[in-house]
Amino acid sequence: MRLLPQDLDRTFFAERFVRVLDAFGYAVWQRWRVYGEEGLAGREAALWLRERTLTVEHSGEPLSRFAVEFSVGTKKPRAVGRPVLFGSAMPPSQPRSVSESRRRHRRRPHWTGSVGRCGRPAPR
């Protein structure tokens, strides 16, 4: 049996993590949210860490790749970025409107004073 070089490389020089994708297709790795595919929400994805790259896969198909920077002298990631998204044959499970996605990701302001009925700070 002869193995392909990429299979050998993955077997001996990579770490594998399994995560379940959330409702928006993201997985959490070491407190970082990395995108897989929205159409695969609720399914397992494999995260492969190799040197300075993190690849998100499902059923052997790469979904995305991220650059990882580590802190000096430790194995803790300092930054995850520069995403490369690969095309996927999976359509989104349910189309989302722009306003719905903005509403879910918008951060609400933190008011230190009292708030009136309309959501604005009450006059002093």
C-alpha atoms as a PDB file:
ATOM      1  CA  MET A   1       0.000   0.000   0.000  1.00  0.00           C
ATOM      2  CA  ARG A   2       1.416   3.351  -1.021  1.00  0.00           C
ATOM      3  CA  LEU A   3       0.287   6.548   0.728  1.00  0.00           C
ATOM      4  CA  LEU A   4       0.137   9.970  -0.866  1.00  0.00           C
ATOM      5  CA  PRO A   5       2.611  12.595   0.423  1.00  0.00           C
ATOM      6  CA  GLN A   6      -0.186  14.889   1.670  1.00  0.00           C
ATOM      7  CA  ASP A   7      -1.664  11.999   3.711  1.00  0.00           C
ATOM      8  CA  LEU A   8       1.713  11.252   5.286  1.00  0.00           C
ATOM      9  CA  ASP A   9       2.262  14.929   5.970  1.00  0.00           C
ATOM     10  CA  ARG A  10      -1.128  15.241   7.675  1.00  0.00           C
ATOM     11  CA  THR A  11      -0.594  12.072   9.713  1.00  0.00           C
ATOM     12  CA  PHE A  12       2.837  12.887  11.099  1.00  0.00           C
ATOM     13  CA  PHE A  13       3.035  16.677  11.197  1.00  0.00           C
ATOM     14  CA  ALA A  14      -0.444  17.907  12.151  1.00  0.00           C
ATOM     15  CA  GLU A  15      -2.768  17.993  15.149  1.00  0.00           C
ATOM     16  CA  ARG A  16      -6.454  17.249  14.677  1.00  0.00           C
ATOM     17  CA  PHE A  17      -9.356  18.695  16.657  1.00  0.00           C
ATOM     18  CA  VAL A  18     -13.048  17.918  16.200  1.00  0.00           C
ATOM     19  CA  ARG A  19     -15.639  20.650  16.761  1.00  0.00           C
ATOM     20  CA  VAL A  20     -19.363  21.090  16.081  1.00  0.00           C
ATOM     21  CA  LEU A  21     -20.208  24.093  13.903  1.00  0.00           C
ATOM     22  CA  ASP A  22     -22.628  26.596  15.467  1.00  0.00           C
ATOM     23  CA  ALA A  23     -25.787  28.000  13.822  1.00  0.00           C
ATOM     24  CA  PHE A  24     -23.692  30.373  11.673  1.00  0.00           C
ATOM     25  CA  GLY A  25     -21.105  27.770  10.624  1.00  0.00           C
ATOM     26  CA  TYR A  26     -18.338  28.767  13.070  1.00  0.00           C
ATOM     27  CA  ALA A  27     -16.194  26.501  15.251  1.00  0.00           C
ATOM     28  CA  VAL A  28     -14.357  27.558  18.408  1.00  0.00           C
ATOM     29  CA  TRP A  29     -10.676  26.645  18.739  1.00  0.00           C
ATOM     30  CA  GLN A  30      -8.559  27.942  21.639  1.00  0.00           C
ATOM     31  CA  ARG A  31     -11.098  30.786  22.224  1.00  0.00           C
ATOM     32  CA  TRP A  32     -10.970  31.827  18.542  1.00  0.00           C
ATOM     33  CA  ARG A  33     -14.015  31.574  16.258  1.00  0.00           C
ATOM     34  CA  VAL A  34     -13.112  30.207  12.823  1.00  0.00           C
ATOM     35  CA  TYR A  35     -15.553  29.927   9.929  1.00  0.00           C
ATOM     36  CA  GLY A  36     -16.348  26.605   8.305  1.00  0.00           C
ATOM     37  CA  GLU A  37     -19.607  26.683   6.350  1.00  0.00           C
ATOM     38  CA  GLU A  38     -23.052  27.926   7.335  1.00  0.00           C
ATOM     39  CA  GLY A  39     -24.744  25.092   5.464  1.00  0.00           C
ATOM     40  CA  LEU A  40     -23.041  22.605   7.816  1.00  0.00           C
ATOM     41  CA  ALA A  41     -24.403  24.133  11.035  1.00  0.00           C
ATOM     42  CA  GLY A  42     -24.713  21.536  13.793  1.00  0.00           C
ATOM     43  CA  ARG A  43     -22.366  19.067  12.105  1.00  0.00           C
ATOM     44  CA  GLU A  44     -18.862  18.024  13.091  1.00  0.00           C
ATOM     45  CA  ALA A  45     -15.830  19.527  11.404  1.00  0.00           C
ATOM     46  CA  ALA A  46     -12.174  18.584  11.686  1.00  0.00           C
ATOM     47  CA  LEU A  47      -9.669  21.336  12.468  1.00  0.00           C
ATOM     48  CA  TRP A  48      -6.124  20.546  11.351  1.00  0.00           C
ATOM     49  CA  LEU A  49      -3.268  22.532  12.872  1.00  0.00           C
ATOM     50  CA  ARG A  50      -0.008  22.358  10.964  1.00  0.00           C
ATOM     51  CA  GLU A  51       2.878  24.685  11.792  1.00  0.00           C
ATOM     52  CA  ARG A  52       1.273  28.114  11.188  1.00  0.00           C
ATOM     53  CA  THR A  53      -1.994  27.179   9.504  1.00  0.00           C
ATOM     54  CA  LEU A  54      -5.364  25.974  10.767  1.00  0.00           C
ATOM     55  CA  THR A  55      -7.590  24.239   8.224  1.00  0.00           C
ATOM     56  CA  VAL A  56     -11.298  23.529   8.753  1.00  0.00           C
ATOM     57  CA  GLU A  57     -12.564  20.407   6.951  1.00  0.00           C
ATOM     58  CA  HIS A  58     -15.766  18.407   6.673  1.00  0.00           C
ATOM     59  CA  SER A  59     -15.757  14.880   5.185  1.00  0.00           C
ATOM     60  CA  GLY A  60     -12.217  15.396   3.910  1.00  0.00           C
ATOM     61  CA  GLU A  61     -13.176  18.570   2.012  1.00  0.00           C
ATOM     62  CA  PRO A  62     -11.343  21.749   3.087  1.00  0.00           C
ATOM     63  CA  LEU A  63     -13.725  24.590   3.909  1.00  0.00           C
ATOM     64  CA  SER A  64     -11.354  27.330   5.089  1.00  0.00           C
ATOM     65  CA  ARG A  65      -7.777  27.998   6.158  1.00  0.00           C
ATOM     66  CA  PHE A  66      -6.410  30.514   8.663  1.00  0.00           C
ATOM     67  CA  ALA A  67      -2.925  31.769   9.506  1.00  0.00           C
ATOM     68  CA  VAL A  68      -1.974  31.215  13.166  1.00  0.00           C
ATOM     69  CA  GLU A  69       0.678  33.151  15.095  1.00  0.00           C
ATOM     70  CA  PHE A  70       1.955  31.713  18.356  1.00  0.00           C
ATOM     71  CA  SER A  71       3.403  33.501  21.373  1.00  0.00           C
ATOM     72  CA  VAL A  72       7.172  33.189  21.694  1.00  0.00           C
ATOM     73  CA  GLY A  73       8.185  30.208  23.829  1.00  0.00           C
ATOM     74  CA  THR A  74       4.658  28.811  24.207  1.00  0.00           C
ATOM     75  CA  LYS A  75       2.206  26.850  22.124  1.00  0.00           C
ATOM     76  CA  LYS A  76      -0.609  29.311  22.801  1.00  0.00           C
ATOM     77  CA  PRO A  77      -2.006  31.111  19.751  1.00  0.00           C
ATOM     78  CA  ARG A  78      -1.561  34.872  19.799  1.00  0.00           C
ATOM     79  CA  ALA A  79      -3.494  35.674  16.614  1.00  0.00           C
ATOM     80  CA  VAL A  80      -5.655  33.857  14.070  1.00  0.00           C
ATOM     81  CA  GLY A  81      -6.369  35.627  10.810  1.00  0.00           C
ATOM     82  CA  ARG A  82      -5.981  35.925   7.047  1.00  0.00           C
ATOM     83  CA  PRO A  83      -8.856  33.565   6.201  1.00  0.00           C
ATOM     84  CA  VAL A  84      -8.953  31.733   2.889  1.00  0.00           C
ATOM     85  CA  LEU A  85     -12.418  30.375   2.101  1.00  0.00           C
ATOM     86  CA  PHE A  86     -12.761  27.461  -0.290  1.00  0.00           C
ATOM     87  CA  GLY A  87     -15.880  26.829  -2.348  1.00  0.00           C
ATOM     88  CA  SER A  88     -18.301  24.276  -0.955  1.00  0.00           C
ATOM     89  CA  ALA A  89     -21.110  22.310  -2.547  1.00  0.00           C
ATOM     90  CA  MET A  90     -23.273  22.755   0.584  1.00  0.00           C
ATOM     91  CA  PRO A  91     -25.986  25.417   0.244  1.00  0.00           C
ATOM     92  CA  PRO A  92     -26.981  27.347   3.388  1.00  0.00           C
ATOM     93  CA  SER A  93     -29.602  25.498   5.408  1.00  0.00           C
ATOM     94  CA  GLN A  94     -31.926  28.528   5.439  1.00  0.00           C
ATOM     95  CA  PRO A  95     -31.275  31.869   3.760  1.00  0.00           C
ATOM     96  CA  ARG A  96     -30.888  34.701   6.274  1.00  0.00           C
ATOM     97  CA  SER A  97     -31.879  38.263   5.662  1.00  0.00           C
ATOM     98  CA  VAL A  98     -29.275  40.989   6.033  1.00  0.00           C
ATOM     99  CA  SER A  99     -31.195  42.656   8.842  1.00  0.00           C
ATOM    100  CA  GLU A 100     -31.432  39.370  10.787  1.00  0.00           C
ATOM    101  CA  SER A 101     -27.686  38.728  10.632  1.00  0.00           C
ATOM    102  CA  ARG A 102     -26.946  42.334  11.636  1.00  0.00           C
ATOM    103  CA  ARG A 103     -29.393  42.121  14.512  1.00  0.00           C
ATOM    104  CA  ARG A 104     -27.774  38.977  15.918  1.00  0.00           C
ATOM    105  CA  HIS A 105     -24.193  40.272  15.662  1.00  0.00           C
ATOM    106  CA  ARG A 106     -24.795  43.851  16.801  1.00  0.00           C
ATOM    107  CA  ARG A 107     -23.446  44.699  20.225  1.00  0.00           C
ATOM    108  CA  ARG A 108     -25.786  46.656  22.412  1.00  0.00           C
ATOM    109  CA  PRO A 109     -24.371  49.756  24.084  1.00  0.00           C
ATOM    110  CA  HIS A 110     -23.756  49.525  27.793  1.00  0.00           C
ATOM    111  CA  TRP A 111     -25.482  52.378  29.613  1.00  0.00           C
ATOM    112  CA  THR A 112     -24.281  53.277  33.074  1.00  0.00           C
ATOM    113  CA  GLY A 113     -27.228  55.567  33.844  1.00  0.00           C
ATOM    114  CA  SER A 114     -30.926  54.891  33.896  1.00  0.00           C
ATOM    115  CA  VAL A 115     -32.681  54.234  30.608  1.00  0.00           C
ATOM    116  CA  GLY A 116     -36.011  55.694  29.502  1.00  0.00           C
ATOM    117  CA  ARG A 117     -38.770  53.718  27.769  1.00  0.00           C
ATOM    118  CA  CYS A 118     -37.473  54.506  24.279  1.00  0.00           C
ATOM    119  CA  GLY A 119     -34.026  52.967  24.979  1.00  0.00           C
ATOM    120  CA  ARG A 120     -32.216  56.284  25.325  1.00  0.00           C
ATOM    121  CA  PRO A 121     -30.623  57.580  28.516  1.00  0.00           C
ATOM    122  CA  ALA A 122     -33.148  59.315  30.727  1.00  0.00           C
ATOM    123  CA  PRO A 123     -32.740  63.092  31.055  1.00  0.00           C
ATOM    124  CA  ARG A 124     -30.988  64.252  34.180  1.00  0.00           C
END
